[in-house]
Amino acid sequence: MKKKKKHSSKFKLQVVLESLSKNQISEIARKYDINPNLLSRWRQILKANGSMIFENKPEDLEKKHQKKIESLENLIGKKEIELNLVKKYLDFYAPENGN
């Protein structure tokens, strides 16, 4: 049984764009040793979802990631405070002789 190959998204885009520019599915599939049906499927996916490439601006993604980082930093700060309170509680109520 033939093992399935994993192709990178960069490779897929390159092959699909080449097949679209030359309008030759079989020839391009043969060139890159992939099944023509697979190449057709990749082309359909690009045609259906290609517009999403232009929807998110890099600035919007950066702002979104920055907000996520800030919320995670706040959570870490809160957890550090809670941990310090628990340590102080244990130090206060722990027996002094270690029993």
PDB file of N, CA and C in Angstrom:
ATOM      1  N   MET A   1       0.840  -1.173   0.000  1.00  0.00           N
ATOM      2  CA  MET A   1       0.000   0.000   0.000  1.00  0.00           C
ATOM      3  C   MET A   1       0.891   1.245   0.000  1.00  0.00           C
ATOM      4  N   LYS A   2       0.569   2.192  -0.820  1.00  0.00           N
ATOM      5  CA  LYS A   2       1.359   3.398  -0.978  1.00  0.00           C
ATOM      6  C   LYS A   2       1.075   4.359   0.172  1.00  0.00           C
ATOM      7  N   LYS A   3       2.164   4.892   0.745  1.00  0.00           N
ATOM      8  CA  LYS A   3       2.028   5.830   1.851  1.00  0.00           C
ATOM      9  C   LYS A   3       1.638   7.212   1.318  1.00  0.00           C
ATOM     10  N   LYS A   4       0.695   7.862   1.996  1.00  0.00           N
ATOM     11  CA  LYS A   4       0.249   9.194   1.580  1.00  0.00           C
ATOM     12  C   LYS A   4       1.344  10.214   1.854  1.00  0.00           C
ATOM     13  N   LYS A   5       1.547  11.108   0.898  1.00  0.00           N
ATOM     14  CA  LYS A   5       2.506  12.187   1.063  1.00  0.00           C
ATOM     15  C   LYS A   5       1.804  13.381   1.684  1.00  0.00           C
ATOM     16  N   LYS A   6       2.521  14.076   2.520  1.00  0.00           N
ATOM     17  CA  LYS A   6       2.020  15.335   3.082  1.00  0.00           C
ATOM     18  C   LYS A   6       2.690  16.468   2.328  1.00  0.00           C
ATOM     19  N   HIS A   7       1.893  17.274   1.684  1.00  0.00           N
ATOM     20  CA  HIS A   7       2.408  18.407   0.929  1.00  0.00           C
ATOM     21  C   HIS A   7       2.187  19.683   1.722  1.00  0.00           C
ATOM     22  N   SER A   8       3.183  20.552   1.679  1.00  0.00           N
ATOM     23  CA  SER A   8       3.061  21.823   2.393  1.00  0.00           C
ATOM     24  C   SER A   8       2.073  22.724   1.667  1.00  0.00           C
ATOM     25  N   SER A   9       1.555  23.678   2.390  1.00  0.00           N
ATOM     26  CA  SER A   9       0.612  24.623   1.788  1.00  0.00           C
ATOM     27  C   SER A   9       1.307  25.468   0.720  1.00  0.00           C
ATOM     28  N   LYS A  10       2.582  25.746   0.929  1.00  0.00           N
ATOM     29  CA  LYS A  10       3.347  26.512  -0.057  1.00  0.00           C
ATOM     30  C   LYS A  10       3.461  25.732  -1.365  1.00  0.00           C
ATOM     31  N   PHE A  11       3.728  24.437  -1.257  1.00  0.00           N
ATOM     32  CA  PHE A  11       3.820  23.580  -2.443  1.00  0.00           C
ATOM     33  C   PHE A  11       2.481  23.524  -3.170  1.00  0.00           C
ATOM     34  N   LYS A  12       1.416  23.340  -2.405  1.00  0.00           N
ATOM     35  CA  LYS A  12       0.082  23.256  -2.997  1.00  0.00           C
ATOM     36  C   LYS A  12      -0.253  24.528  -3.765  1.00  0.00           C
ATOM     37  N   LEU A  13       0.027  25.666  -3.156  1.00  0.00           N
ATOM     38  CA  LEU A  13      -0.267  26.943  -3.812  1.00  0.00           C
ATOM     39  C   LEU A  13       0.542  27.082  -5.092  1.00  0.00           C
ATOM     40  N   GLN A  14       1.805  26.728  -5.035  1.00  0.00           N
ATOM     41  CA  GLN A  14       2.673  26.821  -6.210  1.00  0.00           C
ATOM     42  C   GLN A  14       2.132  25.960  -7.356  1.00  0.00           C
ATOM     43  N   VAL A  15       1.757  24.729  -7.048  1.00  0.00           N
ATOM     44  CA  VAL A  15       1.266  23.805  -8.072  1.00  0.00           C
ATOM     45  C   VAL A  15      -0.068  24.291  -8.634  1.00  0.00           C
ATOM     46  N   VAL A  16      -0.959  24.742  -7.758  1.00  0.00           N
ATOM     47  CA  VAL A  16      -2.274  25.210  -8.210  1.00  0.00           C
ATOM     48  C   VAL A  16      -2.136  26.444  -9.091  1.00  0.00           C
ATOM     49  N   LEU A  17      -1.305  27.386  -8.682  1.00  0.00           N
ATOM     50  CA  LEU A  17      -1.121  28.594  -9.491  1.00  0.00           C
ATOM     51  C   LEU A  17      -0.525  28.261 -10.855  1.00  0.00           C
ATOM     52  N   GLU A  18       0.414  27.333 -10.870  1.00  0.00           N
ATOM     53  CA  GLU A  18       0.991  26.930 -12.149  1.00  0.00           C
ATOM     54  C   GLU A  18      -0.059  26.255 -13.030  1.00  0.00           C
ATOM     55  N   SER A  19      -0.884  25.413 -12.426  1.00  0.00           N
ATOM     56  CA  SER A  19      -1.916  24.726 -13.210  1.00  0.00           C
ATOM     57  C   SER A  19      -2.967  25.708 -13.724  1.00  0.00           C
ATOM     58  N   LEU A  20      -3.253  26.744 -12.942  1.00  0.00           N
ATOM     59  CA  LEU A  20      -4.212  27.753 -13.390  1.00  0.00           C
ATOM     60  C   LEU A  20      -3.635  28.610 -14.515  1.00  0.00           C
ATOM     61  N   SER A  21      -2.354  28.941 -14.411  1.00  0.00           N
ATOM     62  CA  SER A  21      -1.760  29.794 -15.441  1.00  0.00           C
ATOM     63  C   SER A  21      -1.607  29.053 -16.770  1.00  0.00           C
ATOM     64  N   LYS A  22      -1.289  27.767 -16.691  1.00  0.00           N
ATOM     65  CA  LYS A  22      -1.123  26.996 -17.928  1.00  0.00           C
ATOM     66  C   LYS A  22      -2.396  26.279 -18.343  1.00  0.00           C
ATOM     67  N   ASN A  23      -3.364  26.223 -17.431  1.00  0.00           N
ATOM     68  CA  ASN A  23      -4.627  25.534 -17.660  1.00  0.00           C
ATOM     69  C   ASN A  23      -4.405  24.084 -18.093  1.00  0.00           C
ATOM     70  N   GLN A  24      -3.468  23.432 -17.451  1.00  0.00           N
ATOM     71  CA  GLN A  24      -3.112  22.049 -17.753  1.00  0.00           C
ATOM     72  C   GLN A  24      -3.046  21.251 -16.457  1.00  0.00           C
ATOM     73  N   ILE A  25      -4.115  20.607 -16.109  1.00  0.00           N
ATOM     74  CA  ILE A  25      -4.135  19.846 -14.857  1.00  0.00           C
ATOM     75  C   ILE A  25      -3.291  18.582 -14.975  1.00  0.00           C
ATOM     76  N   SER A  26      -3.507  17.797 -16.020  1.00  0.00           N
ATOM     77  CA  SER A  26      -2.814  16.516 -16.152  1.00  0.00           C
ATOM     78  C   SER A  26      -1.307  16.695 -16.281  1.00  0.00           C
ATOM     79  N   GLU A  27      -0.913  17.649 -17.088  1.00  0.00           N
ATOM     80  CA  GLU A  27       0.518  17.879 -17.312  1.00  0.00           C
ATOM     81  C   GLU A  27       1.226  18.311 -16.024  1.00  0.00           C
ATOM     82  N   ILE A  28       0.624  19.226 -15.307  1.00  0.00           N
ATOM     83  CA  ILE A  28       1.218  19.719 -14.066  1.00  0.00           C
ATOM     84  C   ILE A  28       1.216  18.620 -13.004  1.00  0.00           C
ATOM     85  N   ALA A  29       0.150  17.851 -12.945  1.00  0.00           N
ATOM     86  CA  ALA A  29       0.078  16.747 -11.978  1.00  0.00           C
ATOM     87  C   ALA A  29       1.186  15.731 -12.247  1.00  0.00           C
ATOM     88  N   ARG A  30       1.409  15.435 -13.496  1.00  0.00           N
ATOM     89  CA  ARG A  30       2.471  14.501 -13.875  1.00  0.00           C
ATOM     90  C   ARG A  30       3.843  15.081 -13.511  1.00  0.00           C
ATOM     91  N   LYS A  31       4.021  16.354 -13.766  1.00  0.00           N
ATOM     92  CA  LYS A  31       5.292  17.024 -13.483  1.00  0.00           C
ATOM     93  C   LYS A  31       5.660  16.918 -12.005  1.00  0.00           C
ATOM     94  N   TYR A  32       4.673  17.079 -11.133  1.00  0.00           N
ATOM     95  CA  TYR A  32       4.923  17.058  -9.689  1.00  0.00           C
ATOM     96  C   TYR A  32       4.583  15.716  -9.035  1.00  0.00           C
ATOM     97  N   ASP A  33       4.271  14.724  -9.854  1.00  0.00           N
ATOM     98  CA  ASP A  33       3.981  13.367  -9.382  1.00  0.00           C
ATOM     99  C   ASP A  33       2.847  13.355  -8.343  1.00  0.00           C
ATOM    100  N   ILE A  34       1.749  13.995  -8.714  1.00  0.00           N
ATOM    101  CA  ILE A  34       0.549  13.959  -7.883  1.00  0.00           C
ATOM    102  C   ILE A  34      -0.629  13.536  -8.750  1.00  0.00           C
ATOM    103  N   ASN A  35      -1.680  13.087  -8.113  1.00  0.00           N
ATOM    104  CA  ASN A  35      -2.867  12.640  -8.816  1.00  0.00           C
ATOM    105  C   ASN A  35      -3.616  13.851  -9.390  1.00  0.00           C
ATOM    106  N   PRO A  36      -4.051  13.776 -10.636  1.00  0.00           N
ATOM    107  CA  PRO A  36      -4.806  14.900 -11.210  1.00  0.00           C
ATOM    108  C   PRO A  36      -6.079  15.243 -10.431  1.00  0.00           C
ATOM    109  N   ASN A  37      -6.712  14.230  -9.849  1.00  0.00           N
ATOM    110  CA  ASN A  37      -7.911  14.497  -9.032  1.00  0.00           C
ATOM    111  C   ASN A  37      -7.561  15.318  -7.790  1.00  0.00           C
ATOM    112  N   LEU A  38      -6.397  15.028  -7.213  1.00  0.00           N
ATOM    113  CA  LEU A  38      -5.947  15.779  -6.057  1.00  0.00           C
ATOM    114  C   LEU A  38      -5.686  17.234  -6.436  1.00  0.00           C
ATOM    115  N   LEU A  39      -5.045  17.434  -7.573  1.00  0.00           N
ATOM    116  CA  LEU A  39      -4.786  18.791  -8.048  1.00  0.00           C
ATOM    117  C   LEU A  39      -6.099  19.527  -8.324  1.00  0.00           C
ATOM    118  N   SER A  40      -7.056  18.842  -8.889  1.00  0.00           N
ATOM    119  CA  SER A  40      -8.365  19.457  -9.131  1.00  0.00           C
ATOM    120  C   SER A  40      -9.028  19.868  -7.824  1.00  0.00           C
ATOM    121  N   ARG A  41      -8.881  19.029  -6.812  1.00  0.00           N
ATOM    122  CA  ARG A  41      -9.461  19.330  -5.501  1.00  0.00           C
ATOM    123  C   ARG A  41      -8.785  20.564  -4.897  1.00  0.00           C
ATOM    124  N   TRP A  42      -7.458  20.639  -5.033  1.00  0.00           N
ATOM    125  CA  TRP A  42      -6.731  21.804  -4.531  1.00  0.00           C
ATOM    126  C   TRP A  42      -7.185  23.074  -5.241  1.00  0.00           C
ATOM    127  N   ARG A  43      -7.404  22.966  -6.544  1.00  0.00           N
ATOM    128  CA  ARG A  43      -7.864  24.123  -7.313  1.00  0.00           C
ATOM    129  C   ARG A  43      -9.239  24.576  -6.834  1.00  0.00           C
ATOM    130  N   GLN A  44     -10.134  23.617  -6.575  1.00  0.00           N
ATOM    131  CA  GLN A  44     -11.474  23.958  -6.089  1.00  0.00           C
ATOM    132  C   GLN A  44     -11.399  24.643  -4.727  1.00  0.00           C
ATOM    133  N   ILE A  45     -10.526  24.135  -3.873  1.00  0.00           N
ATOM    134  CA  ILE A  45     -10.371  24.732  -2.538  1.00  0.00           C
ATOM    135  C   ILE A  45      -9.869  26.162  -2.655  1.00  0.00           C
ATOM    136  N   LEU A  46      -8.891  26.387  -3.532  1.00  0.00           N
ATOM    137  CA  LEU A  46      -8.372  27.741  -3.717  1.00  0.00           C
ATOM    138  C   LEU A  46      -9.451  28.667  -4.266  1.00  0.00           C
ATOM    139  N   LYS A  47     -10.217  28.196  -5.223  1.00  0.00           N
ATOM    140  CA  LYS A  47     -11.264  29.040  -5.800  1.00  0.00           C
ATOM    141  C   LYS A  47     -12.344  29.355  -4.770  1.00  0.00           C
ATOM    142  N   ALA A  48     -12.658  28.389  -3.909  1.00  0.00           N
ATOM    143  CA  ALA A  48     -13.711  28.592  -2.919  1.00  0.00           C
ATOM    144  C   ALA A  48     -13.238  29.459  -1.747  1.00  0.00           C
ATOM    145  N   ASN A  49     -11.984  29.290  -1.336  1.00  0.00           N
ATOM    146  CA  ASN A  49     -11.515  29.948  -0.109  1.00  0.00           C
ATOM    147  C   ASN A  49     -10.415  30.976  -0.342  1.00  0.00           C
ATOM    148  N   GLY A  50     -10.045  31.209  -1.570  1.00  0.00           N
ATOM    149  CA  GLY A  50      -8.948  32.111  -1.864  1.00  0.00           C
ATOM    150  C   GLY A  50      -9.187  33.536  -1.422  1.00  0.00           C
ATOM    151  N   SER A  51     -10.420  33.951  -1.383  1.00  0.00           N
ATOM    152  CA  SER A  51     -10.713  35.335  -0.992  1.00  0.00           C
ATOM    153  C   SER A  51     -10.394  35.598   0.474  1.00  0.00           C
ATOM    154  N   MET A  52     -10.326  34.557   1.288  1.00  0.00           N
ATOM    155  CA  MET A  52     -10.019  34.729   2.706  1.00  0.00           C
ATOM    156  C   MET A  52      -8.600  35.244   2.910  1.00  0.00           C
ATOM    157  N   ILE A  53      -7.731  35.045   1.940  1.00  0.00           N
ATOM    158  CA  ILE A  53      -6.361  35.534   2.048  1.00  0.00           C
ATOM    159  C   ILE A  53      -6.360  37.041   2.240  1.00  0.00           C
ATOM    160  N   PHE A  54      -7.278  37.724   1.602  1.00  0.00           N
ATOM    161  CA  PHE A  54      -7.289  39.170   1.611  1.00  0.00           C
ATOM    162  C   PHE A  54      -8.184  39.762   2.694  1.00  0.00           C
ATOM    163  N   GLU A  55      -8.884  38.926   3.448  1.00  0.00           N
ATOM    164  CA  GLU A  55      -9.811  39.428   4.452  1.00  0.00           C
ATOM    165  C   GLU A  55      -9.110  39.966   5.685  1.00  0.00           C
ATOM    166  N   ASN A  56      -8.125  39.257   6.200  1.00  0.00           N
ATOM    167  CA  ASN A  56      -7.450  39.680   7.425  1.00  0.00           C
ATOM    168  C   ASN A  56      -6.208  40.480   7.083  1.00  0.00           C
ATOM    169  N   LYS A  57      -6.189  41.689   7.577  1.00  0.00           N
ATOM    170  CA  LYS A  57      -5.012  42.526   7.401  1.00  0.00           C
ATOM    171  C   LYS A  57      -3.999  42.147   8.478  1.00  0.00           C
ATOM    172  N   PRO A  58      -2.724  42.211   8.175  1.00  0.00           N
ATOM    173  CA  PRO A  58      -1.719  41.873   9.188  1.00  0.00           C
ATOM    174  C   PRO A  58      -1.845  42.698  10.463  1.00  0.00           C
ATOM    175  N   GLU A  59      -2.258  43.960  10.327  1.00  0.00           N
ATOM    176  CA  GLU A  59      -2.405  44.812  11.510  1.00  0.00           C
ATOM    177  C   GLU A  59      -3.507  44.287  12.425  1.00  0.00           C
ATOM    178  N   ASP A  60      -4.595  43.810  11.814  1.00  0.00           N
ATOM    179  CA  ASP A  60      -5.702  43.279  12.609  1.00  0.00           C
ATOM    180  C   ASP A  60      -5.265  42.025  13.364  1.00  0.00           C
ATOM    181  N   LEU A  61      -4.521  41.161  12.694  1.00  0.00           N
ATOM    182  CA  LEU A  61      -4.033  39.951  13.347  1.00  0.00           C
ATOM    183  C   LEU A  61      -3.070  40.297  14.481  1.00  0.00           C
ATOM    184  N   GLU A  62      -2.227  41.291  14.251  1.00  0.00           N
ATOM    185  CA  GLU A  62      -1.275  41.702  15.281  1.00  0.00           C
ATOM    186  C   GLU A  62      -2.004  42.244  16.504  1.00  0.00           C
ATOM    187  N   LYS A  63      -3.040  43.056  16.283  1.00  0.00           N
ATOM    188  CA  LYS A  63      -3.821  43.590  17.401  1.00  0.00           C
ATOM    189  C   LYS A  63      -4.505  42.465  18.172  1.00  0.00           C
ATOM    190  N   LYS A  64      -5.044  41.519  17.430  1.00  0.00           N
ATOM    191  CA  LYS A  64      -5.724  40.380  18.061  1.00  0.00           C
ATOM    192  C   LYS A  64      -4.743  39.578  18.912  1.00  0.00           C
ATOM    193  N   HIS A  65      -3.558  39.328  18.364  1.00  0.00           N
ATOM    194  CA  HIS A  65      -2.549  38.573  19.108  1.00  0.00           C
ATOM    195  C   HIS A  65      -2.058  39.362  20.319  1.00  0.00           C
ATOM    196  N   GLN A  66      -1.923  40.670  20.183  1.00  0.00           N
ATOM    197  CA  GLN A  66      -1.482  41.506  21.291  1.00  0.00           C
ATOM    198  C   GLN A  66      -2.491  41.478  22.432  1.00  0.00           C
ATOM    199  N   LYS A  67      -3.788  41.522  22.098  1.00  0.00           N
ATOM    200  CA  LYS A  67      -4.823  41.440  23.130  1.00  0.00           C
ATOM    201  C   LYS A  67      -4.757  40.105  23.858  1.00  0.00           C
ATOM    202  N   LYS A  68      -4.537  39.045  23.099  1.00  0.00           N
ATOM    203  CA  LYS A  68      -4.438  37.710  23.689  1.00  0.00           C
ATOM    204  C   LYS A  68      -3.234  37.630  24.625  1.00  0.00           C
ATOM    205  N   ILE A  69      -2.113  38.202  24.203  1.00  0.00           N
ATOM    206  CA  ILE A  69      -0.910  38.214  25.038  1.00  0.00           C
ATOM    207  C   ILE A  69      -1.172  38.965  26.335  1.00  0.00           C
ATOM    208  N   GLU A  70      -1.819  40.122  26.231  1.00  0.00           N
ATOM    209  CA  GLU A  70      -2.118  40.917  27.425  1.00  0.00           C
ATOM    210  C   GLU A  70      -3.016  40.157  28.396  1.00  0.00           C
ATOM    211  N   SER A  71      -4.034  39.494  27.865  1.00  0.00           N
ATOM    212  CA  SER A  71      -4.942  38.752  28.750  1.00  0.00           C
ATOM    213  C   SER A  71      -4.214  37.589  29.414  1.00  0.00           C
ATOM    214  N   LEU A  72      -3.314  36.929  28.684  1.00  0.00           N
ATOM    215  CA  LEU A  72      -2.552  35.830  29.280  1.00  0.00           C
ATOM    216  C   LEU A  72      -1.562  36.344  30.326  1.00  0.00           C
ATOM    217  N   GLU A  73      -0.946  37.507  30.078  1.00  0.00           N
ATOM    218  CA  GLU A  73      -0.049  38.101  31.072  1.00  0.00           C
ATOM    219  C   GLU A  73      -0.811  38.459  32.333  1.00  0.00           C
ATOM    220  N   ASN A  74      -2.027  38.989  32.188  1.00  0.00           N
ATOM    221  CA  ASN A  74      -2.856  39.310  33.354  1.00  0.00           C
ATOM    222  C   ASN A  74      -3.192  38.045  34.139  1.00  0.00           C
ATOM    223  N   LEU A  75      -3.507  36.986  33.434  1.00  0.00           N
ATOM    224  CA  LEU A  75      -3.831  35.725  34.094  1.00  0.00           C
ATOM    225  C   LEU A  75      -2.624  35.190  34.867  1.00  0.00           C
ATOM    226  N   ILE A  76      -1.447  35.295  34.272  1.00  0.00           N
ATOM    227  CA  ILE A  76      -0.237  34.851  34.960  1.00  0.00           C
ATOM    228  C   ILE A  76      -0.014  35.675  36.227  1.00  0.00           C
ATOM    229  N   GLY A  77      -0.229  36.978  36.132  1.00  0.00           N
ATOM    230  CA  GLY A  77      -0.078  37.843  37.301  1.00  0.00           C
ATOM    231  C   GLY A  77      -1.026  37.450  38.423  1.00  0.00           C
ATOM    232  N   LYS A  78      -2.263  37.189  38.074  1.00  0.00           N
ATOM    233  CA  LYS A  78      -3.245  36.773  39.084  1.00  0.00           C
ATOM    234  C   LYS A  78      -2.850  35.458  39.720  1.00  0.00           C
ATOM    235  N   LYS A  79      -2.361  34.522  38.928  1.00  0.00           N
ATOM    236  CA  LYS A  79      -1.961  33.216  39.453  1.00  0.00           C
ATOM    237  C   LYS A  79      -0.742  33.340  40.368  1.00  0.00           C
ATOM    238  N   GLU A  80       0.172  34.258  40.050  1.00  0.00           N
ATOM    239  CA  GLU A  80       1.323  34.479  40.918  1.00  0.00           C
ATOM    240  C   GLU A  80       0.884  35.028  42.268  1.00  0.00           C
ATOM    241  N   ILE A  81      -0.078  35.944  42.252  1.00  0.00           N
ATOM    242  CA  ILE A  81      -0.597  36.497  43.503  1.00  0.00           C
ATOM    243  C   ILE A  81      -1.261  35.403  44.329  1.00  0.00           C
ATOM    244  N   GLU A  82      -2.069  34.574  43.670  1.00  0.00           N
ATOM    245  CA  GLU A  82      -2.733  33.476  44.376  1.00  0.00           C
ATOM    246  C   GLU A  82      -1.717  32.511  44.969  1.00  0.00           C
ATOM    247  N   LEU A  83      -0.677  32.214  44.210  1.00  0.00           N
ATOM    248  CA  LEU A  83       0.358  31.304  44.680  1.00  0.00           C
ATOM    249  C   LEU A  83       1.084  31.881  45.893  1.00  0.00           C
ATOM    250  N   ASN A  84       1.390  33.176  45.856  1.00  0.00           N
ATOM    251  CA  ASN A  84       2.042  33.816  47.004  1.00  0.00           C
ATOM    252  C   ASN A  84       1.145  33.792  48.232  1.00  0.00           C
ATOM    253  N   LEU A  85      -0.163  34.014  48.047  1.00  0.00           N
ATOM    254  CA  LEU A  85      -1.092  33.953  49.177  1.00  0.00           C
ATOM    255  C   LEU A  85      -1.141  32.556  49.782  1.00  0.00           C
ATOM    256  N   VAL A  86      -1.147  31.548  48.942  1.00  0.00           N
ATOM    257  CA  VAL A  86      -1.175  30.169  49.441  1.00  0.00           C
ATOM    258  C   VAL A  86       0.118  29.857  50.184  1.00  0.00           C
ATOM    259  N   LYS A  87       1.248  30.315  49.676  1.00  0.00           N
ATOM    260  CA  LYS A  87       2.528  30.089  50.355  1.00  0.00           C
ATOM    261  C   LYS A  87       2.545  30.760  51.724  1.00  0.00           C
ATOM    262  N   LYS A  88       2.050  32.003  51.795  1.00  0.00           N
ATOM    263  CA  LYS A  88       2.013  32.716  53.073  1.00  0.00           C
ATOM    264  C   LYS A  88       1.075  32.011  54.048  1.00  0.00           C
ATOM    265  N   TYR A  89      -0.054  31.531  53.544  1.00  0.00           N
ATOM    266  CA  TYR A  89      -1.011  30.806  54.376  1.00  0.00           C
ATOM    267  C   TYR A  89      -0.364  29.552  54.942  1.00  0.00           C
ATOM    268  N   LEU A  90       0.318  28.811  54.085  1.00  0.00           N
ATOM    269  CA  LEU A  90       0.963  27.575  54.537  1.00  0.00           C
ATOM    270  C   LEU A  90       2.090  27.869  55.515  1.00  0.00           C
ATOM    271  N   ASP A  91       2.848  28.924  55.260  1.00  0.00           N
ATOM    272  CA  ASP A  91       3.922  29.289  56.181  1.00  0.00           C
ATOM    273  C   ASP A  91       3.361  29.688  57.545  1.00  0.00           C
ATOM    274  N   PHE A  92       2.239  30.378  57.556  1.00  0.00           N
ATOM    275  CA  PHE A  92       1.639  30.849  58.803  1.00  0.00           C
ATOM    276  C   PHE A  92       1.064  29.693  59.622  1.00  0.00           C
ATOM    277  N   TYR A  93       0.386  28.755  58.942  1.00  0.00           N
ATOM    278  CA  TYR A  93      -0.305  27.675  59.638  1.00  0.00           C
ATOM    279  C   TYR A  93       0.509  26.395  59.716  1.00  0.00           C
ATOM    280  N   ALA A  94       1.678  26.349  59.124  1.00  0.00           N
ATOM    281  CA  ALA A  94       2.494  25.126  59.190  1.00  0.00           C
ATOM    282  C   ALA A  94       3.082  25.000  60.600  1.00  0.00           C
ATOM    283  N   PRO A  95       3.154  23.773  61.100  1.00  0.00           N
ATOM    284  CA  PRO A  95       3.758  23.587  62.423  1.00  0.00           C
ATOM    285  C   PRO A  95       5.235  23.987  62.382  1.00  0.00           C
ATOM    286  N   GLU A  96       5.694  24.586  63.473  1.00  0.00           N
ATOM    287  CA  GLU A  96       7.046  25.123  63.488  1.00  0.00           C
ATOM    288  C   GLU A  96       8.100  24.040  63.648  1.00  0.00           C
ATOM    289  N   ASN A  97       7.782  22.934  64.249  1.00  0.00           N
ATOM    290  CA  ASN A  97       8.789  21.909  64.479  1.00  0.00           C
ATOM    291  C   ASN A  97       8.841  20.901  63.322  1.00  0.00           C
ATOM    292  N   GLY A  98       8.034  21.075  62.296  1.00  0.00           N
ATOM    293  CA  GLY A  98       8.064  20.211  61.138  1.00  0.00           C
ATOM    294  C   GLY A  98       7.234  18.958  61.270  1.00  0.00           C
ATOM    295  N   ASN A  99       6.466  18.796  62.342  1.00  0.00           N
ATOM    296  CA  ASN A  99       5.611  17.602  62.529  1.00  0.00           C
ATOM    297  C   ASN A  99       4.330  17.751  61.816  1.00  0.00           C
TER     298      ASN A  99
END
